[in-house]
Amino acid sequence: MKLRNTCLLALALMAAAAQAVAQQTTTPANTVQRELIYCADRMSHEEREAYRAKMQATRTREAKEALRTAHRSEMQERARAAGREGPCEPLGPRGGGWSSGQGRGPAK
C-alpha cells in the first residue's frame, strides 16, 4: 500500500512540474506595454502597427511627442474630411470602464 501511495504522489508531483514548465514556455519573457493610440478605432491594423513601429524606432522623448502630435493632427484632419467632428479617444483595455459609459457617475 505504501508503494502505491508513493507512486501516486510521484506521478502527481511530475504532472505538476510538467504543467509549471509548460506555463513558463508559453509566457513571453518580456512583455511590451502598448501605448493607447489616439483614434485607433479609425485606423486599420496595418496603420496601427506602422505607428507602433515608428514609436519604437524613435528614441528621444521629444521625438516621440512630436510623432504623437503629428499623428493627432493627421487623425483630426481625417475625421474632418469624413465629416466626424466629435472627440476621438484612444481605445482602452477591452471590457468596458469609464470610456464605455459603464462607470459610476457622481453620487446623487
C-alpha atoms as a PDB file:
ATOM      1  CA  MET A   1       0.000   0.000   0.000  1.00  0.00           C
ATOM      2  CA  LYS A   2       2.847   2.402   0.847  1.00  0.00           C
ATOM      3  CA  LEU A   3       4.467   1.721  -2.536  1.00  0.00           C
ATOM      4  CA  ARG A   4       1.230   2.547  -4.342  1.00  0.00           C
ATOM      5  CA  ASN A   5       0.807   5.819  -2.427  1.00  0.00           C
ATOM      6  CA  THR A   6       4.422   6.736  -3.120  1.00  0.00           C
ATOM      7  CA  CYS A   7       3.957   6.077  -6.847  1.00  0.00           C
ATOM      8  CA  LEU A   8       0.770   8.167  -6.950  1.00  0.00           C
ATOM      9  CA  LEU A   9       2.493  11.003  -5.110  1.00  0.00           C
ATOM     10  CA  ALA A  10       5.440  10.876  -7.527  1.00  0.00           C
ATOM     11  CA  LEU A  11       3.087  10.941 -10.530  1.00  0.00           C
ATOM     12  CA  ALA A  12       1.195  13.905  -9.101  1.00  0.00           C
ATOM     13  CA  LEU A  13       4.428  15.822  -8.494  1.00  0.00           C
ATOM     14  CA  MET A  14       5.677  15.102 -12.031  1.00  0.00           C
ATOM     15  CA  ALA A  15       2.358  16.255 -13.505  1.00  0.00           C
ATOM     16  CA  ALA A  16       2.500  19.494 -11.523  1.00  0.00           C
ATOM     17  CA  ALA A  17       6.114  20.085 -12.571  1.00  0.00           C
ATOM     18  CA  ALA A  18       5.266  19.430 -16.218  1.00  0.00           C
ATOM     19  CA  GLN A  19       2.393  21.900 -16.045  1.00  0.00           C
ATOM     20  CA  ALA A  20       4.649  24.559 -14.492  1.00  0.00           C
ATOM     21  CA  VAL A  21       7.256  24.076 -17.219  1.00  0.00           C
ATOM     22  CA  ALA A  22       4.583  24.303 -19.918  1.00  0.00           C
ATOM     23  CA  GLN A  23       3.295  27.583 -18.478  1.00  0.00           C
ATOM     24  CA  GLN A  24       6.798  29.055 -18.367  1.00  0.00           C
ATOM     25  CA  THR A  25       7.473  28.292 -22.016  1.00  0.00           C
ATOM     26  CA  THR A  26       4.203  29.837 -23.230  1.00  0.00           C
ATOM     27  CA  THR A  27       4.550  33.095 -21.281  1.00  0.00           C
ATOM     28  CA  PRO A  28       6.521  35.773 -23.157  1.00  0.00           C
ATOM     29  CA  ALA A  29       9.752  36.712 -21.410  1.00  0.00           C
ATOM     30  CA  ASN A  30       9.484  40.466 -21.820  1.00  0.00           C
ATOM     31  CA  THR A  31       6.037  41.839 -22.416  1.00  0.00           C
ATOM     32  CA  VAL A  32       5.817  45.249 -24.017  1.00  0.00           C
ATOM     33  CA  GLN A  33       3.136  47.548 -22.690  1.00  0.00           C
ATOM     34  CA  ARG A  34       1.462  49.164 -25.650  1.00  0.00           C
ATOM     35  CA  GLU A  35       0.573  52.814 -25.703  1.00  0.00           C
ATOM     36  CA  LEU A  36      -3.052  53.698 -26.315  1.00  0.00           C
ATOM     37  CA  ILE A  37      -3.184  55.172 -29.806  1.00  0.00           C
ATOM     38  CA  TYR A  38      -5.250  58.270 -30.454  1.00  0.00           C
ATOM     39  CA  CYS A  39      -8.140  57.402 -32.822  1.00  0.00           C
ATOM     40  CA  ALA A  40      -7.054  53.763 -33.035  1.00  0.00           C
ATOM     41  CA  ASP A  41     -10.660  52.829 -33.843  1.00  0.00           C
ATOM     42  CA  ARG A  42     -10.392  54.849 -37.059  1.00  0.00           C
ATOM     43  CA  MET A  43      -7.146  53.212 -38.164  1.00  0.00           C
ATOM     44  CA  SER A  44      -6.542  49.918 -39.910  1.00  0.00           C
ATOM     45  CA  HIS A  45      -4.499  47.204 -38.235  1.00  0.00           C
ATOM     46  CA  GLU A  46      -1.614  47.968 -40.605  1.00  0.00           C
ATOM     47  CA  GLU A  47      -1.730  51.680 -39.734  1.00  0.00           C
ATOM     48  CA  ARG A  48      -1.657  50.929 -36.005  1.00  0.00           C
ATOM     49  CA  GLU A  49       1.293  48.564 -36.404  1.00  0.00           C
ATOM     50  CA  ALA A  50       3.161  51.120 -38.553  1.00  0.00           C
ATOM     51  CA  TYR A  51       2.564  53.793 -35.884  1.00  0.00           C
ATOM     52  CA  ARG A  52       3.854  51.443 -33.173  1.00  0.00           C
ATOM     53  CA  ALA A  53       6.940  50.646 -35.248  1.00  0.00           C
ATOM     54  CA  LYS A  54       7.668  54.369 -35.677  1.00  0.00           C
ATOM     55  CA  MET A  55       7.276  54.919 -31.927  1.00  0.00           C
ATOM     56  CA  GLN A  56       9.634  52.044 -31.121  1.00  0.00           C
ATOM     57  CA  ALA A  57      12.211  53.361 -33.582  1.00  0.00           C
ATOM     58  CA  THR A  58      12.044  56.838 -32.049  1.00  0.00           C
ATOM     59  CA  ARG A  59      14.447  57.168 -29.113  1.00  0.00           C
ATOM     60  CA  THR A  60      14.002  60.583 -27.505  1.00  0.00           C
ATOM     61  CA  ARG A  61      11.006  61.760 -25.511  1.00  0.00           C
ATOM     62  CA  GLU A  62      10.787  64.930 -27.621  1.00  0.00           C
ATOM     63  CA  ALA A  63      10.759  62.996 -30.893  1.00  0.00           C
ATOM     64  CA  LYS A  64       8.047  60.683 -29.568  1.00  0.00           C
ATOM     65  CA  GLU A  65       5.953  63.664 -28.523  1.00  0.00           C
ATOM     66  CA  ALA A  66       6.409  65.239 -31.975  1.00  0.00           C
ATOM     67  CA  LEU A  67       5.270  61.981 -33.576  1.00  0.00           C
ATOM     68  CA  ARG A  68       2.196  61.865 -31.317  1.00  0.00           C
ATOM     69  CA  THR A  69       1.338  65.489 -32.150  1.00  0.00           C
ATOM     70  CA  ALA A  70       1.685  64.890 -35.880  1.00  0.00           C
ATOM     71  CA  HIS A  71      -0.428  61.743 -35.628  1.00  0.00           C
ATOM     72  CA  ARG A  72      -3.124  63.586 -33.665  1.00  0.00           C
ATOM     73  CA  SER A  73      -3.256  66.361 -36.286  1.00  0.00           C
ATOM     74  CA  GLU A  74      -3.447  63.817 -39.107  1.00  0.00           C
ATOM     75  CA  MET A  75      -6.274  61.924 -37.424  1.00  0.00           C
ATOM     76  CA  GLN A  76      -8.225  65.129 -36.714  1.00  0.00           C
ATOM     77  CA  GLU A  77      -7.871  66.103 -40.380  1.00  0.00           C
ATOM     78  CA  ARG A  78      -9.043  62.639 -41.415  1.00  0.00           C
ATOM     79  CA  ALA A  79     -12.080  62.994 -39.108  1.00  0.00           C
ATOM     80  CA  ARG A  80     -12.942  66.407 -40.586  1.00  0.00           C
ATOM     81  CA  ALA A  81     -12.670  65.028 -44.129  1.00  0.00           C
ATOM     82  CA  ALA A  82     -15.007  62.168 -43.177  1.00  0.00           C
ATOM     83  CA  GLY A  83     -17.477  64.570 -41.543  1.00  0.00           C
ATOM     84  CA  ARG A  84     -16.771  63.446 -37.992  1.00  0.00           C
ATOM     85  CA  GLU A  85     -16.114  66.367 -35.724  1.00  0.00           C
ATOM     86  CA  GLY A  86     -16.567  64.573 -32.399  1.00  0.00           C
ATOM     87  CA  PRO A  87     -13.781  63.778 -29.966  1.00  0.00           C
ATOM     88  CA  CYS A  88     -11.562  60.865 -30.763  1.00  0.00           C
ATOM     89  CA  GLU A  89     -10.227  58.926 -27.829  1.00  0.00           C
ATOM     90  CA  PRO A  90      -7.746  56.069 -27.789  1.00  0.00           C
ATOM     91  CA  LEU A  91      -9.167  52.600 -27.426  1.00  0.00           C
ATOM     92  CA  GLY A  92      -8.812  51.464 -23.840  1.00  0.00           C
ATOM     93  CA  PRO A  93      -8.486  47.957 -22.491  1.00  0.00           C
ATOM     94  CA  ARG A  94     -11.349  45.722 -23.505  1.00  0.00           C
ATOM     95  CA  GLY A  95     -14.061  45.018 -21.027  1.00  0.00           C
ATOM     96  CA  GLY A  96     -15.640  48.413 -20.512  1.00  0.00           C
ATOM     97  CA  GLY A  97     -14.991  51.021 -17.927  1.00  0.00           C
ATOM     98  CA  TRP A  98     -15.253  54.774 -17.854  1.00  0.00           C
ATOM     99  CA  SER A  99     -14.870  55.270 -21.592  1.00  0.00           C
ATOM    100  CA  SER A 100     -17.719  52.889 -22.400  1.00  0.00           C
ATOM    101  CA  GLY A 101     -20.189  54.695 -20.146  1.00  0.00           C
ATOM    102  CA  GLN A 102     -20.322  51.872 -17.628  1.00  0.00           C
ATOM    103  CA  GLY A 103     -18.579  53.753 -14.853  1.00  0.00           C
ATOM    104  CA  ARG A 104     -20.345  55.344 -11.946  1.00  0.00           C
ATOM    105  CA  GLY A 105     -21.397  58.902 -12.223  1.00  0.00           C
ATOM    106  CA  PRO A 106     -21.459  61.439  -9.406  1.00  0.00           C
ATOM    107  CA  ALA A 107     -23.314  60.382  -6.271  1.00  0.00           C
ATOM    108  CA  LYS A 108     -26.874  61.648  -6.100  1.00  0.00           C
END
